[in-house]
Amino acid sequence: MHRIFISLLVALPLVACAGVQRSAAQSAALLAADAQFDSDVAARGLDAWLDWFEDDVATWRNKEIVHGKETYRTTIGPLLVKPGNALRWVPMFADGDGVFGFTTGRWALHAKSDDGKEAIVETGTYCTVWHKQPDGTWKVVFDLGNDDRK
């Protein structure tokens, strides 16, 4: 009995730590994916934005859930293709179960004024839900942002 107790005493923290390590690794992978998403959009704009989405990606627009990449092309597309504009974000927190995960963070919309100077036009927070693909990469299945002004 004493040996079983000692074995459990040693094994339980190891099992608990393995869960924490998995969660930490999961969080790190999601944060890295979100940071790469930001970098890709900064470099390639709308095409990169759409590449990171699953085909049936969803979001809320005007109190309704809308689906599909084309929804993003028509709603955020004009913002991303306007010369001088840049939507950038910083992921700050992530968690997941290995199949689905989420990231949250801060975003800022940068635009150039008529005199060519860059200004931050809007800022806010976001939450992105991710789905792990069969090849191990992550794609966005739901994306939502809030403007700080609201």
C-alpha atoms as a PDB file:
ATOM      1  CA  MET A   1       0.000   0.000   0.000  1.00  0.00           C
ATOM      2  CA  HIS A   2       2.828   2.338   0.915  1.00  0.00           C
ATOM      3  CA  ARG A   3       4.475   1.746  -2.503  1.00  0.00           C
ATOM      4  CA  ILE A   4       1.210   2.524  -4.314  1.00  0.00           C
ATOM      5  CA  PHE A   5       0.856   5.765  -2.360  1.00  0.00           C
ATOM      6  CA  ILE A   6       4.456   6.770  -3.140  1.00  0.00           C
ATOM      7  CA  SER A   7       3.956   5.857  -6.820  1.00  0.00           C
ATOM      8  CA  LEU A   8       0.822   7.987  -6.997  1.00  0.00           C
ATOM      9  CA  LEU A   9       2.539  10.799  -5.172  1.00  0.00           C
ATOM     10  CA  VAL A  10       5.304  10.785  -7.804  1.00  0.00           C
ATOM     11  CA  ALA A  11       3.082  10.114 -10.838  1.00  0.00           C
ATOM     12  CA  LEU A  12       0.306  12.656 -10.249  1.00  0.00           C
ATOM     13  CA  PRO A  13       2.518  15.757 -10.501  1.00  0.00           C
ATOM     14  CA  LEU A  14       4.142  14.327 -13.636  1.00  0.00           C
ATOM     15  CA  VAL A  15       0.746  13.777 -15.241  1.00  0.00           C
ATOM     16  CA  ALA A  16      -0.392  17.256 -14.194  1.00  0.00           C
ATOM     17  CA  CYS A  17       2.790  18.815 -15.574  1.00  0.00           C
ATOM     18  CA  ALA A  18       2.394  16.941 -18.861  1.00  0.00           C
ATOM     19  CA  GLY A  19      -1.027  18.566 -19.242  1.00  0.00           C
ATOM     20  CA  VAL A  20       0.424  21.986 -18.517  1.00  0.00           C
ATOM     21  CA  GLN A  21       3.235  21.426 -21.014  1.00  0.00           C
ATOM     22  CA  ARG A  22       0.733  20.331 -23.662  1.00  0.00           C
ATOM     23  CA  SER A  23      -1.354  23.401 -22.958  1.00  0.00           C
ATOM     24  CA  ALA A  24       1.709  25.656 -23.017  1.00  0.00           C
ATOM     25  CA  ALA A  25       2.856  24.104 -26.296  1.00  0.00           C
ATOM     26  CA  GLN A  26      -0.642  24.459 -27.707  1.00  0.00           C
ATOM     27  CA  SER A  27      -0.793  28.114 -26.687  1.00  0.00           C
ATOM     28  CA  ALA A  28       2.640  28.786 -28.169  1.00  0.00           C
ATOM     29  CA  ALA A  29       1.628  27.172 -31.488  1.00  0.00           C
ATOM     30  CA  LEU A  30      -1.543  29.259 -31.685  1.00  0.00           C
ATOM     31  CA  LEU A  31       0.282  32.487 -30.793  1.00  0.00           C
ATOM     32  CA  ALA A  32       2.879  31.714 -33.460  1.00  0.00           C
ATOM     33  CA  ALA A  33       0.180  31.029 -36.068  1.00  0.00           C
ATOM     34  CA  ASP A  34      -1.598  34.288 -35.247  1.00  0.00           C
ATOM     35  CA  ALA A  35       1.661  36.269 -35.376  1.00  0.00           C
ATOM     36  CA  GLN A  36       2.461  34.703 -38.765  1.00  0.00           C
ATOM     37  CA  PHE A  37      -1.071  35.552 -39.936  1.00  0.00           C
ATOM     38  CA  ASP A  38      -0.393  39.204 -39.047  1.00  0.00           C
ATOM     39  CA  SER A  39       2.990  39.163 -40.836  1.00  0.00           C
ATOM     40  CA  ASP A  40       1.508  37.570 -43.946  1.00  0.00           C
ATOM     41  CA  VAL A  41      -1.294  40.133 -44.135  1.00  0.00           C
ATOM     42  CA  ALA A  42       1.229  42.958 -43.661  1.00  0.00           C
ATOM     43  CA  ALA A  43       3.268  41.590 -46.573  1.00  0.00           C
ATOM     44  CA  ARG A  44       0.537  40.404 -48.973  1.00  0.00           C
ATOM     45  CA  GLY A  45      -2.700  42.128 -47.940  1.00  0.00           C
ATOM     46  CA  LEU A  46      -6.109  40.745 -48.778  1.00  0.00           C
ATOM     47  CA  ASP A  47      -4.859  37.576 -50.489  1.00  0.00           C
ATOM     48  CA  ALA A  48      -2.960  36.587 -47.355  1.00  0.00           C
ATOM     49  CA  TRP A  49      -5.967  37.466 -45.190  1.00  0.00           C
ATOM     50  CA  LEU A  50      -8.166  35.088 -47.167  1.00  0.00           C
ATOM     51  CA  ASP A  51      -5.514  32.340 -47.325  1.00  0.00           C
ATOM     52  CA  TRP A  52      -5.626  31.992 -43.536  1.00  0.00           C
ATOM     53  CA  PHE A  53      -9.387  31.308 -43.492  1.00  0.00           C
ATOM     54  CA  GLU A  54     -11.271  28.065 -43.906  1.00  0.00           C
ATOM     55  CA  ASP A  55     -13.758  28.362 -46.773  1.00  0.00           C
ATOM     56  CA  ASP A  56     -16.763  28.593 -44.428  1.00  0.00           C
ATOM     57  CA  VAL A  57     -15.185  31.073 -41.990  1.00  0.00           C
ATOM     58  CA  ALA A  58     -17.764  33.001 -39.971  1.00  0.00           C
ATOM     59  CA  THR A  59     -18.131  36.327 -38.207  1.00  0.00           C
ATOM     60  CA  TRP A  60     -20.821  38.651 -36.903  1.00  0.00           C
ATOM     61  CA  ARG A  61     -21.918  41.523 -39.125  1.00  0.00           C
ATOM     62  CA  ASN A  62     -24.854  43.732 -38.228  1.00  0.00           C
ATOM     63  CA  LYS A  63     -26.051  41.331 -35.496  1.00  0.00           C
ATOM     64  CA  GLU A  64     -26.042  38.346 -37.862  1.00  0.00           C
ATOM     65  CA  ILE A  65     -23.574  35.510 -38.311  1.00  0.00           C
ATOM     66  CA  VAL A  66     -22.252  35.507 -41.854  1.00  0.00           C
ATOM     67  CA  HIS A  67     -20.153  32.814 -43.524  1.00  0.00           C
ATOM     68  CA  GLY A  68     -17.582  32.505 -46.251  1.00  0.00           C
ATOM     69  CA  LYS A  69     -14.390  34.044 -47.527  1.00  0.00           C
ATOM     70  CA  GLU A  70     -16.304  36.185 -50.003  1.00  0.00           C
ATOM     71  CA  THR A  71     -18.004  37.943 -47.086  1.00  0.00           C
ATOM     72  CA  TYR A  72     -14.570  39.035 -45.905  1.00  0.00           C
ATOM     73  CA  ARG A  73     -13.530  40.021 -49.418  1.00  0.00           C
ATOM     74  CA  THR A  74     -16.467  42.448 -49.625  1.00  0.00           C
ATOM     75  CA  THR A  75     -16.421  43.726 -46.031  1.00  0.00           C
ATOM     76  CA  ILE A  76     -12.769  44.093 -45.035  1.00  0.00           C
ATOM     77  CA  GLY A  77     -11.277  43.767 -48.508  1.00  0.00           C
ATOM     78  CA  PRO A  78     -11.639  47.424 -49.492  1.00  0.00           C
ATOM     79  CA  LEU A  79      -9.934  48.428 -46.245  1.00  0.00           C
ATOM     80  CA  LEU A  80      -6.958  46.124 -46.827  1.00  0.00           C
ATOM     81  CA  VAL A  81      -6.397  47.077 -50.472  1.00  0.00           C
ATOM     82  CA  LYS A  82      -6.539  50.850 -49.984  1.00  0.00           C
ATOM     83  CA  PRO A  83      -3.021  52.250 -50.506  1.00  0.00           C
ATOM     84  CA  GLY A  84      -1.434  53.322 -47.240  1.00  0.00           C
ATOM     85  CA  ASN A  85      -3.758  51.272 -45.043  1.00  0.00           C
ATOM     86  CA  ALA A  86      -2.515  48.460 -42.842  1.00  0.00           C
ATOM     87  CA  LEU A  87      -4.344  46.346 -40.306  1.00  0.00           C
ATOM     88  CA  ARG A  88      -1.891  44.993 -37.735  1.00  0.00           C
ATOM     89  CA  TRP A  89      -2.465  43.003 -34.574  1.00  0.00           C
ATOM     90  CA  VAL A  90      -0.610  41.502 -31.639  1.00  0.00           C
ATOM     91  CA  PRO A  91      -1.799  38.179 -30.222  1.00  0.00           C
ATOM     92  CA  MET A  92      -1.665  38.253 -26.426  1.00  0.00           C
ATOM     93  CA  PHE A  93      -3.343  35.064 -25.209  1.00  0.00           C
ATOM     94  CA  ALA A  94      -4.103  31.650 -26.666  1.00  0.00           C
ATOM     95  CA  ASP A  95      -5.487  28.314 -25.583  1.00  0.00           C
ATOM     96  CA  GLY A  96      -6.881  25.238 -27.223  1.00  0.00           C
ATOM     97  CA  ASP A  97      -7.411  21.514 -27.121  1.00  0.00           C
ATOM     98  CA  GLY A  98      -5.267  20.424 -30.062  1.00  0.00           C
ATOM     99  CA  VAL A  99      -8.108  20.517 -32.598  1.00  0.00           C
ATOM    100  CA  PHE A 100      -9.655  23.919 -31.933  1.00  0.00           C
ATOM    101  CA  GLY A 101      -8.108  26.919 -30.269  1.00  0.00           C
ATOM    102  CA  PHE A 102      -8.489  30.647 -29.882  1.00  0.00           C
ATOM    103  CA  THR A 103      -6.324  33.723 -29.725  1.00  0.00           C
ATOM    104  CA  THR A 104      -7.101  37.150 -28.349  1.00  0.00           C
ATOM    105  CA  GLY A 105      -5.189  40.367 -28.660  1.00  0.00           C
ATOM    106  CA  ARG A 106      -5.078  43.974 -29.767  1.00  0.00           C
ATOM    107  CA  TRP A 107      -5.371  45.365 -33.276  1.00  0.00           C
ATOM    108  CA  ALA A 108      -4.683  48.730 -34.866  1.00  0.00           C
ATOM    109  CA  LEU A 109      -5.688  50.135 -38.223  1.00  0.00           C
ATOM    110  CA  HIS A 110      -2.992  52.370 -39.692  1.00  0.00           C
ATOM    111  CA  ALA A 111      -3.716  54.756 -42.533  1.00  0.00           C
ATOM    112  CA  LYS A 112      -1.820  57.522 -44.278  1.00  0.00           C
ATOM    113  CA  SER A 113      -3.191  61.015 -44.278  1.00  0.00           C
ATOM    114  CA  ASP A 114      -3.182  63.213 -47.354  1.00  0.00           C
ATOM    115  CA  ASP A 115       0.236  64.590 -46.375  1.00  0.00           C
ATOM    116  CA  GLY A 116       1.666  61.046 -46.339  1.00  0.00           C
ATOM    117  CA  LYS A 117       2.089  60.731 -42.579  1.00  0.00           C
ATOM    118  CA  GLU A 118       0.971  57.504 -40.976  1.00  0.00           C
ATOM    119  CA  ALA A 119      -1.580  57.648 -38.198  1.00  0.00           C
ATOM    120  CA  ILE A 120      -3.367  55.051 -36.129  1.00  0.00           C
ATOM    121  CA  VAL A 121      -6.989  55.500 -37.077  1.00  0.00           C
ATOM    122  CA  GLU A 122      -8.662  52.849 -34.935  1.00  0.00           C
ATOM    123  CA  THR A 123      -7.699  50.340 -32.270  1.00  0.00           C
ATOM    124  CA  GLY A 124      -9.487  47.480 -30.607  1.00  0.00           C
ATOM    125  CA  THR A 125      -9.506  43.905 -29.388  1.00  0.00           C
ATOM    126  CA  TYR A 126     -10.155  40.658 -31.206  1.00  0.00           C
ATOM    127  CA  CYS A 127     -10.878  36.991 -30.700  1.00  0.00           C
ATOM    128  CA  THR A 128     -10.048  34.460 -33.397  1.00  0.00           C
ATOM    129  CA  VAL A 129     -11.110  30.803 -33.313  1.00  0.00           C
ATOM    130  CA  TRP A 130      -8.759  28.385 -35.054  1.00  0.00           C
ATOM    131  CA  HIS A 131      -9.122  24.849 -36.418  1.00  0.00           C
ATOM    132  CA  LYS A 132      -6.107  22.582 -36.855  1.00  0.00           C
ATOM    133  CA  GLN A 133      -5.862  21.204 -40.378  1.00  0.00           C
ATOM    134  CA  PRO A 134      -4.848  17.622 -41.285  1.00  0.00           C
ATOM    135  CA  ASP A 135      -1.402  18.917 -42.330  1.00  0.00           C
ATOM    136  CA  GLY A 136      -0.865  20.446 -38.851  1.00  0.00           C
ATOM    137  CA  THR A 137      -1.380  24.075 -39.855  1.00  0.00           C
ATOM    138  CA  TRP A 138      -4.064  26.292 -38.348  1.00  0.00           C
ATOM    139  CA  LYS A 139      -6.873  28.075 -40.199  1.00  0.00           C
ATOM    140  CA  VAL A 140      -9.367  30.638 -38.927  1.00  0.00           C
ATOM    141  CA  VAL A 141     -12.972  29.456 -38.552  1.00  0.00           C
ATOM    142  CA  PHE A 142     -14.387  32.452 -36.677  1.00  0.00           C
ATOM    143  CA  ASP A 143     -13.048  35.975 -36.307  1.00  0.00           C
ATOM    144  CA  LEU A 144     -14.424  38.887 -34.358  1.00  0.00           C
ATOM    145  CA  GLY A 145     -13.043  42.304 -33.465  1.00  0.00           C
ATOM    146  CA  ASN A 146     -14.286  45.142 -31.288  1.00  0.00           C
ATOM    147  CA  ASP A 147     -13.439  48.781 -31.840  1.00  0.00           C
ATOM    148  CA  ASP A 148     -12.276  50.584 -28.680  1.00  0.00           C
ATOM    149  CA  ARG A 149     -14.710  53.397 -29.453  1.00  0.00           C
ATOM    150  CA  LYS A 150     -17.717  51.157 -28.847  1.00  0.00           C
END
